[in-house]
mmCIF file of all heavy atoms, coordinates in Angstrom:
data_MODEL
# 
_entry.id   MODEL 
# 
loop_
_atom_site.group_PDB 
_atom_site.id 
_atom_site.type_symbol 
_atom_site.label_atom_id 
_atom_site.label_alt_id 
_atom_site.label_comp_id 
_atom_site.label_asym_id 
_atom_site.label_entity_id 
_atom_site.label_seq_id 
_atom_site.pdbx_PDB_ins_code 
_atom_site.Cartn_x 
_atom_site.Cartn_y 
_atom_site.Cartn_z 
_atom_site.occupancy 
_atom_site.B_iso_or_equiv 
_atom_site.pdbx_formal_charge 
_atom_site.auth_seq_id 
_atom_site.auth_comp_id 
_atom_site.auth_asym_id 
_atom_site.auth_atom_id 
_atom_site.pdbx_PDB_model_num 
ATOM 1   N N   . PRO A 1 1  ? -20.784 67.374 59.782 1.00 0.00 ? 1  PRO A N   1 
ATOM 2   C CA  . PRO A 1 1  ? -20.152 67.543 61.098 1.00 0.00 ? 1  PRO A CA  1 
ATOM 3   C C   . PRO A 1 1  ? -20.562 66.436 62.059 1.00 0.00 ? 1  PRO A C   1 
ATOM 4   O O   . PRO A 1 1  ? -21.647 65.864 61.955 1.00 0.00 ? 1  PRO A O   1 
ATOM 5   C CB  . PRO A 1 1  ? -20.699 68.910 61.568 1.00 0.00 ? 1  PRO A CB  1 
ATOM 6   C CG  . PRO A 1 1  ? -22.003 69.049 60.835 1.00 0.00 ? 1  PRO A CG  1 
ATOM 7   C CD  . PRO A 1 1  ? -21.775 68.416 59.490 1.00 0.00 ? 1  PRO A CD  1 
ATOM 8   N N   . ASN A 1 2  ? -19.671 66.143 62.988 1.00 0.00 ? 2  ASN A N   1 
ATOM 9   C CA  . ASN A 1 2  ? -19.927 65.118 64.015 1.00 0.00 ? 2  ASN A CA  1 
ATOM 10  C C   . ASN A 1 2  ? -20.262 63.759 63.390 1.00 0.00 ? 2  ASN A C   1 
ATOM 11  O O   . ASN A 1 2  ? -21.045 62.984 63.951 1.00 0.00 ? 2  ASN A O   1 
ATOM 12  C CB  . ASN A 1 2  ? -21.062 65.551 64.940 1.00 0.00 ? 2  ASN A CB  1 
ATOM 13  C CG  . ASN A 1 2  ? -20.812 66.898 65.577 1.00 0.00 ? 2  ASN A CG  1 
ATOM 14  O OD1 . ASN A 1 2  ? -19.701 67.187 66.018 1.00 0.00 ? 2  ASN A OD1 1 
ATOM 15  N ND2 . ASN A 1 2  ? -21.847 67.745 65.613 1.00 0.00 ? 2  ASN A ND2 1 
ATOM 16  N N   . ALA A 1 3  ? -19.680 63.500 62.236 1.00 0.00 ? 3  ALA A N   1 
ATOM 17  C CA  . ALA A 1 3  ? -20.016 62.276 61.497 1.00 0.00 ? 3  ALA A CA  1 
ATOM 18  C C   . ALA A 1 3  ? -19.651 61.011 62.266 1.00 0.00 ? 3  ALA A C   1 
ATOM 19  O O   . ALA A 1 3  ? -20.262 59.966 62.060 1.00 0.00 ? 3  ALA A O   1 
ATOM 20  C CB  . ALA A 1 3  ? -19.310 62.281 60.139 1.00 0.00 ? 3  ALA A CB  1 
ATOM 21  N N   . GLU A 1 4  ? -18.671 61.100 63.161 1.00 0.00 ? 4  GLU A N   1 
ATOM 22  C CA  . GLU A 1 4  ? -18.233 59.909 63.872 1.00 0.00 ? 4  GLU A CA  1 
ATOM 23  C C   . GLU A 1 4  ? -19.020 59.672 65.156 1.00 0.00 ? 4  GLU A C   1 
ATOM 24  O O   . GLU A 1 4  ? -18.795 58.679 65.846 1.00 0.00 ? 4  GLU A O   1 
ATOM 25  C CB  . GLU A 1 4  ? -16.730 60.012 64.165 1.00 0.00 ? 4  GLU A CB  1 
ATOM 26  C CG  . GLU A 1 4  ? -15.878 60.036 62.903 1.00 0.00 ? 4  GLU A CG  1 
ATOM 27  C CD  . GLU A 1 4  ? -14.393 60.074 63.203 1.00 0.00 ? 4  GLU A CD  1 
ATOM 28  O OE1 . GLU A 1 4  ? -14.006 59.620 64.298 1.00 0.00 ? 4  GLU A OE1 1 
ATOM 29  O OE2 . GLU A 1 4  ? -13.625 60.547 62.361 1.00 0.00 ? 4  GLU A OE2 1 
ATOM 30  N N   . GLN A 1 5  ? -19.926 60.582 65.472 1.00 0.00 ? 5  GLN A N   1 
ATOM 31  C CA  . GLN A 1 5  ? -20.742 60.399 66.668 1.00 0.00 ? 5  GLN A CA  1 
ATOM 32  C C   . GLN A 1 5  ? -22.001 59.602 66.334 1.00 0.00 ? 5  GLN A C   1 
ATOM 33  O O   . GLN A 1 5  ? -22.445 59.537 65.194 1.00 0.00 ? 5  GLN A O   1 
ATOM 34  C CB  . GLN A 1 5  ? -21.131 61.758 67.250 1.00 0.00 ? 5  GLN A CB  1 
ATOM 35  C CG  . GLN A 1 5  ? -19.950 62.584 67.733 1.00 0.00 ? 5  GLN A CG  1 
ATOM 36  C CD  . GLN A 1 5  ? -20.381 63.916 68.316 1.00 0.00 ? 5  GLN A CD  1 
ATOM 37  O OE1 . GLN A 1 5  ? -21.566 64.164 68.533 1.00 0.00 ? 5  GLN A OE1 1 
ATOM 38  N NE2 . GLN A 1 5  ? -19.419 64.788 68.571 1.00 0.00 ? 5  GLN A NE2 1 
ATOM 39  N N   . GLU A 1 6  ? -22.580 59.013 67.356 1.00 0.00 ? 6  GLU A N   1 
ATOM 40  C CA  . GLU A 1 6  ? -23.820 58.258 67.177 1.00 0.00 ? 6  GLU A CA  1 
ATOM 41  C C   . GLU A 1 6  ? -24.935 59.202 66.750 1.00 0.00 ? 6  GLU A C   1 
ATOM 42  O O   . GLU A 1 6  ? -25.099 60.281 67.318 1.00 0.00 ? 6  GLU A O   1 
ATOM 43  C CB  . GLU A 1 6  ? -24.174 57.555 68.488 1.00 0.00 ? 6  GLU A CB  1 
ATOM 44  C CG  . GLU A 1 6  ? -25.235 56.496 68.360 1.00 0.00 ? 6  GLU A CG  1 
ATOM 45  C CD  . GLU A 1 6  ? -25.381 55.677 69.632 1.00 0.00 ? 6  GLU A CD  1 
ATOM 46  O OE1 . GLU A 1 6  ? -24.375 55.064 70.047 1.00 0.00 ? 6  GLU A OE1 1 
ATOM 47  O OE2 . GLU A 1 6  ? -26.486 55.662 70.203 1.00 0.00 ? 6  GLU A OE2 1 
ATOM 48  N N   . GLN A 1 7  ? -25.694 58.805 65.743 1.00 0.00 ? 7  GLN A N   1 
ATOM 49  C CA  . GLN A 1 7  ? -26.748 59.642 65.186 1.00 0.00 ? 7  GLN A CA  1 
ATOM 50  C C   . GLN A 1 7  ? -28.123 59.017 65.429 1.00 0.00 ? 7  GLN A C   1 
ATOM 51  O O   . GLN A 1 7  ? -28.236 57.809 65.630 1.00 0.00 ? 7  GLN A O   1 
ATOM 52  C CB  . GLN A 1 7  ? -26.541 59.814 63.673 1.00 0.00 ? 7  GLN A CB  1 
ATOM 53  C CG  . GLN A 1 7  ? -25.150 60.272 63.263 1.00 0.00 ? 7  GLN A CG  1 
ATOM 54  C CD  . GLN A 1 7  ? -24.883 61.723 63.607 1.00 0.00 ? 7  GLN A CD  1 
ATOM 55  O OE1 . GLN A 1 7  ? -25.784 62.557 63.539 1.00 0.00 ? 7  GLN A OE1 1 
ATOM 56  N NE2 . GLN A 1 7  ? -23.652 62.031 63.983 1.00 0.00 ? 7  GLN A NE2 1 
ATOM 57  N N   . SER A 1 8  ? -29.155 59.870 65.375 1.00 0.00 ? 8  SER A N   1 
ATOM 58  C CA  . SER A 1 8  ? -30.538 59.395 65.509 1.00 0.00 ? 8  SER A CA  1 
ATOM 59  C C   . SER A 1 8  ? -31.258 59.531 64.185 1.00 0.00 ? 8  SER A C   1 
ATOM 60  O O   . SER A 1 8  ? -30.947 60.417 63.384 1.00 0.00 ? 8  SER A O   1 
ATOM 61  C CB  . SER A 1 8  ? -31.278 60.196 66.583 1.00 0.00 ? 8  SER A CB  1 
ATOM 62  O OG  . SER A 1 8  ? -30.689 60.021 67.845 1.00 0.00 ? 8  SER A OG  1 
ATOM 63  N N   . ALA A 1 9  ? -32.205 58.651 63.930 1.00 0.00 ? 9  ALA A N   1 
ATOM 64  C CA  . ALA A 1 9  ? -32.964 58.698 62.689 1.00 0.00 ? 9  ALA A CA  1 
ATOM 65  C C   . ALA A 1 9  ? -34.336 58.061 62.895 1.00 0.00 ? 9  ALA A C   1 
ATOM 66  O O   . ALA A 1 9  ? -34.544 57.297 63.835 1.00 0.00 ? 9  ALA A O   1 
ATOM 67  C CB  . ALA A 1 9  ? -32.215 57.991 61.561 1.00 0.00 ? 9  ALA A CB  1 
ATOM 68  N N   . ILE A 1 10 ? -35.242 58.417 62.001 1.00 0.00 ? 10 ILE A N   1 
ATOM 69  C CA  . ILE A 1 10 ? -36.582 57.834 62.001 1.00 0.00 ? 10 ILE A CA  1 
ATOM 70  C C   . ILE A 1 10 ? -36.878 57.345 60.586 1.00 0.00 ? 10 ILE A C   1 
ATOM 71  O O   . ILE A 1 10 ? -36.744 58.101 59.627 1.00 0.00 ? 10 ILE A O   1 
ATOM 72  C CB  . ILE A 1 10 ? -37.648 58.858 62.428 1.00 0.00 ? 10 ILE A CB  1 
ATOM 73  C CG1 . ILE A 1 10 ? -37.363 59.363 63.848 1.00 0.00 ? 10 ILE A CG1 1 
ATOM 74  C CG2 . ILE A 1 10 ? -39.040 58.240 62.359 1.00 0.00 ? 10 ILE A CG2 1 
ATOM 75  C CD1 . ILE A 1 10 ? -38.303 60.466 64.295 1.00 0.00 ? 10 ILE A CD1 1 
ATOM 76  N N   . SER A 1 11 ? -37.248 56.087 60.462 1.00 0.00 ? 11 SER A N   1 
ATOM 77  C CA  . SER A 1 11 ? -37.539 55.511 59.149 1.00 0.00 ? 11 SER A CA  1 
ATOM 78  C C   . SER A 1 11 ? -38.954 54.949 59.122 1.00 0.00 ? 11 SER A C   1 
ATOM 79  O O   . SER A 1 11 ? -39.428 54.372 60.098 1.00 0.00 ? 11 SER A O   1 
ATOM 80  C CB  . SER A 1 11 ? -36.551 54.382 58.806 1.00 0.00 ? 11 SER A CB  1 
ATOM 81  O OG  . SER A 1 11 ? -35.257 54.883 58.576 1.00 0.00 ? 11 SER A OG  1 
ATOM 82  N N   . THR A 1 12 ? -39.599 55.151 57.976 1.00 0.00 ? 12 THR A N   1 
ATOM 83  C CA  . THR A 1 12 ? -40.876 54.507 57.723 1.00 0.00 ? 12 THR A CA  1 
ATOM 84  C C   . THR A 1 12 ? -40.570 53.180 57.041 1.00 0.00 ? 12 THR A C   1 
ATOM 85  O O   . THR A 1 12 ? -39.896 53.151 56.012 1.00 0.00 ? 12 THR A O   1 
ATOM 86  C CB  . THR A 1 12 ? -41.767 55.364 56.807 1.00 0.00 ? 12 THR A CB  1 
ATOM 87  O OG1 . THR A 1 12 ? -42.038 56.607 57.467 1.00 0.00 ? 12 THR A OG1 1 
ATOM 88  C CG2 . THR A 1 12 ? -43.082 54.667 56.514 1.00 0.00 ? 12 THR A CG2 1 
ATOM 89  N N   . MET A 1 13 ? -41.039 52.082 57.624 1.00 0.00 ? 13 MET A N   1 
ATOM 90  C CA  . MET A 1 13 ? -40.737 50.761 57.098 1.00 0.00 ? 13 MET A CA  1 
ATOM 91  C C   . MET A 1 13 ? -42.011 50.047 56.682 1.00 0.00 ? 13 MET A C   1 
ATOM 92  O O   . MET A 1 13 ? -43.067 50.202 57.318 1.00 0.00 ? 13 MET A O   1 
ATOM 93  C CB  . MET A 1 13 ? -39.959 49.948 58.123 1.00 0.00 ? 13 MET A CB  1 
ATOM 94  C CG  . MET A 1 13 ? -38.667 50.608 58.565 1.00 0.00 ? 13 MET A CG  1 
ATOM 95  S SD  . MET A 1 13 ? -37.573 49.511 59.511 1.00 0.00 ? 13 MET A SD  1 
ATOM 96  C CE  . MET A 1 13 ? -37.050 48.364 58.234 1.00 0.00 ? 13 MET A CE  1 
ATOM 97  N N   . VAL A 1 14 ? -41.903 49.282 55.617 1.00 0.00 ? 14 VAL A N   1 
ATOM 98  C CA  . VAL A 1 14 ? -43.056 48.555 55.090 1.00 0.00 ? 14 VAL A CA  1 
ATOM 99  C C   . VAL A 1 14 ? -42.705 47.079 54.970 1.00 0.00 ? 14 VAL A C   1 
ATOM 100 O O   . VAL A 1 14 ? -41.568 46.718 54.650 1.00 0.00 ? 14 VAL A O   1 
ATOM 101 C CB  . VAL A 1 14 ? -43.493 49.131 53.729 1.00 0.00 ? 14 VAL A CB  1 
ATOM 102 C CG1 . VAL A 1 14 ? -42.370 49.004 52.693 1.00 0.00 ? 14 VAL A CG1 1 
ATOM 103 C CG2 . VAL A 1 14 ? -44.760 48.458 53.224 1.00 0.00 ? 14 VAL A CG2 1 
ATOM 104 N N   . LEU A 1 15 ? -43.684 46.235 55.240 1.00 0.00 ? 15 LEU A N   1 
ATOM 105 C CA  . LEU A 1 15 ? -43.469 44.794 55.150 1.00 0.00 ? 15 LEU A CA  1 
ATOM 106 C C   . LEU A 1 15 ? -43.589 44.340 53.704 1.00 0.00 ? 15 LEU A C   1 
ATOM 107 O O   . LEU A 1 15 ? -44.583 44.603 53.037 1.00 0.00 ? 15 LEU A O   1 
ATOM 108 C CB  . LEU A 1 15 ? -44.492 44.052 56.016 1.00 0.00 ? 15 LEU A CB  1 
ATOM 109 C CG  . LEU A 1 15 ? -44.385 42.528 56.037 1.00 0.00 ? 15 LEU A CG  1 
ATOM 110 C CD1 . LEU A 1 15 ? -43.023 42.098 56.572 1.00 0.00 ? 15 LEU A CD1 1 
ATOM 111 C CD2 . LEU A 1 15 ? -45.505 41.926 56.877 1.00 0.00 ? 15 LEU A CD2 1 
ATOM 112 N N   . THR A 1 16 ? -42.549 43.670 53.204 1.00 0.00 ? 16 THR A N   1 
ATOM 113 C CA  . THR A 1 16 ? -42.535 43.150 51.837 1.00 0.00 ? 16 THR A CA  1 
ATOM 114 C C   . THR A 1 16 ? -42.380 41.629 51.893 1.00 0.00 ? 16 THR A C   1 
ATOM 115 O O   . THR A 1 16 ? -42.267 41.044 52.975 1.00 0.00 ? 16 THR A O   1 
ATOM 116 C CB  . THR A 1 16 ? -41.363 43.742 51.031 1.00 0.00 ? 16 THR A CB  1 
ATOM 117 O OG1 . THR A 1 16 ? -40.123 43.172 51.516 1.00 0.00 ? 16 THR A OG1 1 
ATOM 118 C CG2 . THR A 1 16 ? -41.292 45.254 51.189 1.00 0.00 ? 16 THR A CG2 1 
ATOM 119 N N   . ASN A 1 17 ? -42.350 41.020 50.726 1.00 0.00 ? 17 ASN A N   1 
ATOM 120 C CA  . ASN A 1 17 ? -42.155 39.566 50.687 1.00 0.00 ? 17 ASN A CA  1 
ATOM 121 C C   . ASN A 1 17 ? -40.755 39.170 51.136 1.00 0.00 ? 17 ASN A C   1 
ATOM 122 O O   . ASN A 1 17 ? -40.477 37.997 51.419 1.00 0.00 ? 17 ASN A O   1 
ATOM 123 C CB  . ASN A 1 17 ? -42.417 39.038 49.271 1.00 0.00 ? 17 ASN A CB  1 
ATOM 124 C CG  . ASN A 1 17 ? -41.430 39.606 48.270 1.00 0.00 ? 17 ASN A CG  1 
ATOM 125 O OD1 . ASN A 1 17 ? -41.108 40.792 48.307 1.00 0.00 ? 17 ASN A OD1 1 
ATOM 126 N ND2 . ASN A 1 17 ? -40.969 38.786 47.365 1.00 0.00 ? 17 ASN A ND2 1 
ATOM 127 N N   . LEU A 1 18 ? -39.850 40.138 51.233 1.00 0.00 ? 18 LEU A N   1 
ATOM 128 C CA  . LEU A 1 18 ? -38.483 39.883 51.693 1.00 0.00 ? 18 LEU A CA  1 
ATOM 129 C C   . LEU A 1 18 ? -38.292 40.274 53.148 1.00 0.00 ? 18 LEU A C   1 
ATOM 130 O O   . LEU A 1 18 ? -37.180 40.199 53.669 1.00 0.00 ? 18 LEU A O   1 
ATOM 131 C CB  . LEU A 1 18 ? -37.490 40.655 50.812 1.00 0.00 ? 18 LEU A CB  1 
ATOM 132 C CG  . LEU A 1 18 ? -37.468 40.287 49.333 1.00 0.00 ? 18 LEU A CG  1 
ATOM 133 C CD1 . LEU A 1 18 ? -36.509 41.197 48.576 1.00 0.00 ? 18 LEU A CD1 1 
ATOM 134 C CD2 . LEU A 1 18 ? -37.085 38.830 49.149 1.00 0.00 ? 18 LEU A CD2 1 
ATOM 135 N N   . GLY A 1 19 ? -39.359 40.708 53.797 1.00 0.00 ? 19 GLY A N   1 
ATOM 136 C CA  . GLY A 1 19 ? -39.255 41.172 55.170 1.00 0.00 ? 19 GLY A CA  1 
ATOM 137 C C   . GLY A 1 19 ? -39.459 42.674 55.246 1.00 0.00 ? 19 GLY A C   1 
ATOM 138 O O   . GLY A 1 19 ? -39.963 43.302 54.311 1.00 0.00 ? 19 GLY A O   1 
ATOM 139 N N   . TRP A 1 20 ? -39.060 43.269 56.358 1.00 0.00 ? 20 TRP A N   1 
ATOM 140 C CA  . TRP A 1 20 ? -39.234 44.713 56.547 1.00 0.00 ? 20 TRP A CA  1 
ATOM 141 C C   . TRP A 1 20 ? -38.162 45.489 55.784 1.00 0.00 ? 20 TRP A C   1 
ATOM 142 O O   . TRP A 1 20 ? -36.985 45.194 55.886 1.00 0.00 ? 20 TRP A O   1 
ATOM 143 C CB  . TRP A 1 20 ? -39.187 45.048 58.028 1.00 0.00 ? 20 TRP A CB  1 
ATOM 144 C CG  . TRP A 1 20 ? -40.404 44.576 58.753 1.00 0.00 ? 20 TRP A CG  1 
ATOM 145 C CD1 . TRP A 1 20 ? -40.556 43.400 59.425 1.00 0.00 ? 20 TRP A CD1 1 
ATOM 146 C CD2 . TRP A 1 20 ? -41.654 45.264 58.861 1.00 0.00 ? 20 TRP A CD2 1 
ATOM 147 N NE1 . TRP A 1 20 ? -41.831 43.297 59.935 1.00 0.00 ? 20 TRP A NE1 1 
ATOM 148 C CE2 . TRP A 1 20 ? -42.531 44.432 59.618 1.00 0.00 ? 20 TRP A CE2 1 
ATOM 149 C CE3 . TRP A 1 20 ? -42.131 46.489 58.400 1.00 0.00 ? 20 TRP A CE3 1 
ATOM 150 C CZ2 . TRP A 1 20 ? -43.837 44.803 59.912 1.00 0.00 ? 20 TRP A CZ2 1 
ATOM 151 C CZ3 . TRP A 1 20 ? -43.430 46.855 58.702 1.00 0.00 ? 20 TRP A CZ3 1 
ATOM 152 C CH2 . TRP A 1 20 ? -44.275 46.024 59.443 1.00 0.00 ? 20 TRP A CH2 1 
ATOM 153 N N   . ARG A 1 21 ? -38.606 46.509 55.022 1.00 0.00 ? 21 ARG A N   1 
ATOM 154 C CA  . ARG A 1 21 ? -37.695 47.327 54.243 1.00 0.00 ? 21 ARG A CA  1 
ATOM 155 C C   . ARG A 1 21 ? -37.985 48.807 54.454 1.00 0.00 ? 21 ARG A C   1 
ATOM 156 O O   . ARG A 1 21 ? -39.126 49.204 54.703 1.00 0.00 ? 21 ARG A O   1 
ATOM 157 C CB  . ARG A 1 21 ? -37.821 46.999 52.741 1.00 0.00 ? 21 ARG A CB  1 
ATOM 158 C CG  . ARG A 1 21 ? -37.315 45.615 52.378 1.00 0.00 ? 21 ARG A CG  1 
ATOM 159 C CD  . ARG A 1 21 ? -35.820 45.500 52.559 1.00 0.00 ? 21 ARG A CD  1 
ATOM 160 N NE  . ARG A 1 21 ? -35.283 44.199 52.207 1.00 0.00 ? 21 ARG A NE  1 
ATOM 161 C CZ  . ARG A 1 21 ? -35.067 43.214 53.065 1.00 0.00 ? 21 ARG A CZ  1 
ATOM 162 N NH1 . ARG A 1 21 ? -35.373 43.382 54.360 1.00 0.00 ? 21 ARG A NH1 1 
ATOM 163 N NH2 . ARG A 1 21 ? -34.565 42.073 52.669 1.00 0.00 ? 21 ARG A NH2 1 
ATOM 164 N N   . VAL A 1 22 ? -36.934 49.624 54.376 1.00 0.00 ? 22 VAL A N   1 
ATOM 165 C CA  . VAL A 1 22 ? -37.079 51.064 54.559 1.00 0.00 ? 22 VAL A CA  1 
ATOM 166 C C   . VAL A 1 22 ? -37.790 51.665 53.358 1.00 0.00 ? 22 VAL A C   1 
ATOM 167 O O   . VAL A 1 22 ? -37.380 51.473 52.215 1.00 0.00 ? 22 VAL A O   1 
ATOM 168 C CB  . VAL A 1 22 ? -35.697 51.733 54.752 1.00 0.00 ? 22 VAL A CB  1 
ATOM 169 C CG1 . VAL A 1 22 ? -35.846 53.251 54.765 1.00 0.00 ? 22 VAL A CG1 1 
ATOM 170 C CG2 . VAL A 1 22 ? -35.049 51.232 56.029 1.00 0.00 ? 22 VAL A CG2 1 
ATOM 171 N N   . GLN A 1 23 ? -38.843 52.415 53.632 1.00 0.00 ? 23 GLN A N   1 
ATOM 172 C CA  . GLN A 1 23 ? -39.580 53.101 52.583 1.00 0.00 ? 23 GLN A CA  1 
ATOM 173 C C   . GLN A 1 23 ? -39.167 54.572 52.498 1.00 0.00 ? 23 GLN A C   1 
ATOM 174 O O   . GLN A 1 23 ? -39.068 55.138 51.430 1.00 0.00 ? 23 GLN A O   1 
ATOM 175 C CB  . GLN A 1 23 ? -41.091 53.008 52.865 1.00 0.00 ? 23 GLN A CB  1 
ATOM 176 C CG  . GLN A 1 23 ? -41.993 53.554 51.759 1.00 0.00 ? 23 GLN A CG  1 
ATOM 177 C CD  . GLN A 1 23 ? -43.446 53.357 52.095 1.00 0.00 ? 23 GLN A CD  1 
ATOM 178 O OE1 . GLN A 1 23 ? -43.895 53.717 53.181 1.00 0.00 ? 23 GLN A OE1 1 
ATOM 179 N NE2 . GLN A 1 23 ? -44.195 52.781 51.181 1.00 0.00 ? 23 GLN A NE2 1 
ATOM 180 N N   . TYR A 1 24 ? -38.918 55.146 53.669 1.00 0.00 ? 24 TYR A N   1 
ATOM 181 C CA  . TYR A 1 24 ? -38.531 56.569 53.732 1.00 0.00 ? 24 TYR A CA  1 
ATOM 182 C C   . TYR A 1 24 ? -37.778 56.806 55.017 1.00 0.00 ? 24 TYR A C   1 
ATOM 183 O O   . TYR A 1 24 ? -38.127 56.255 56.067 1.00 0.00 ? 24 TYR A O   1 
ATOM 184 C CB  . TYR A 1 24 ? -39.770 57.455 53.680 1.00 0.00 ? 24 TYR A CB  1 
ATOM 185 C CG  . TYR A 1 24 ? -39.487 58.918 53.925 1.00 0.00 ? 24 TYR A CG  1 
ATOM 186 C CD1 . TYR A 1 24 ? -38.924 59.722 52.924 1.00 0.00 ? 24 TYR A CD1 1 
ATOM 187 C CD2 . TYR A 1 24 ? -39.759 59.506 55.154 1.00 0.00 ? 24 TYR A CD2 1 
ATOM 188 C CE1 . TYR A 1 24 ? -38.653 61.058 53.148 1.00 0.00 ? 24 TYR A CE1 1 
ATOM 189 C CE2 . TYR A 1 24 ? -39.478 60.856 55.385 1.00 0.00 ? 24 TYR A CE2 1 
ATOM 190 C CZ  . TYR A 1 24 ? -38.920 61.618 54.382 1.00 0.00 ? 24 TYR A CZ  1 
ATOM 191 O OH  . TYR A 1 24 ? -38.643 62.940 54.616 1.00 0.00 ? 24 TYR A OH  1 
ATOM 192 N N   . THR A 1 25 ? -36.729 57.628 54.954 1.00 0.00 ? 25 THR A N   1 
ATOM 193 C CA  . THR A 1 25 ? -35.950 57.964 56.138 1.00 0.00 ? 25 THR A CA  1 
ATOM 194 C C   . THR A 1 25 ? -35.943 59.469 56.334 1.00 0.00 ? 25 THR A C   1 
ATOM 195 O O   . THR A 1 25 ? -35.555 60.218 55.434 1.00 0.00 ? 25 THR A O   1 
ATOM 196 C CB  . THR A 1 25 ? -34.502 57.448 56.025 1.00 0.00 ? 25 THR A CB  1 
ATOM 197 O OG1 . THR A 1 25 ? -34.529 56.021 55.910 1.00 0.00 ? 25 THR A OG1 1 
ATOM 198 C CG2 . THR A 1 25 ? -33.687 57.834 57.240 1.00 0.00 ? 25 THR A CG2 1 
# 
């Protein structure tokens, strides 16, 4: 529901050799 509305999220990010990547959302 409400898929077209702006959503909020929190992600755990880790620094890798390619830059910052999502580890868990």
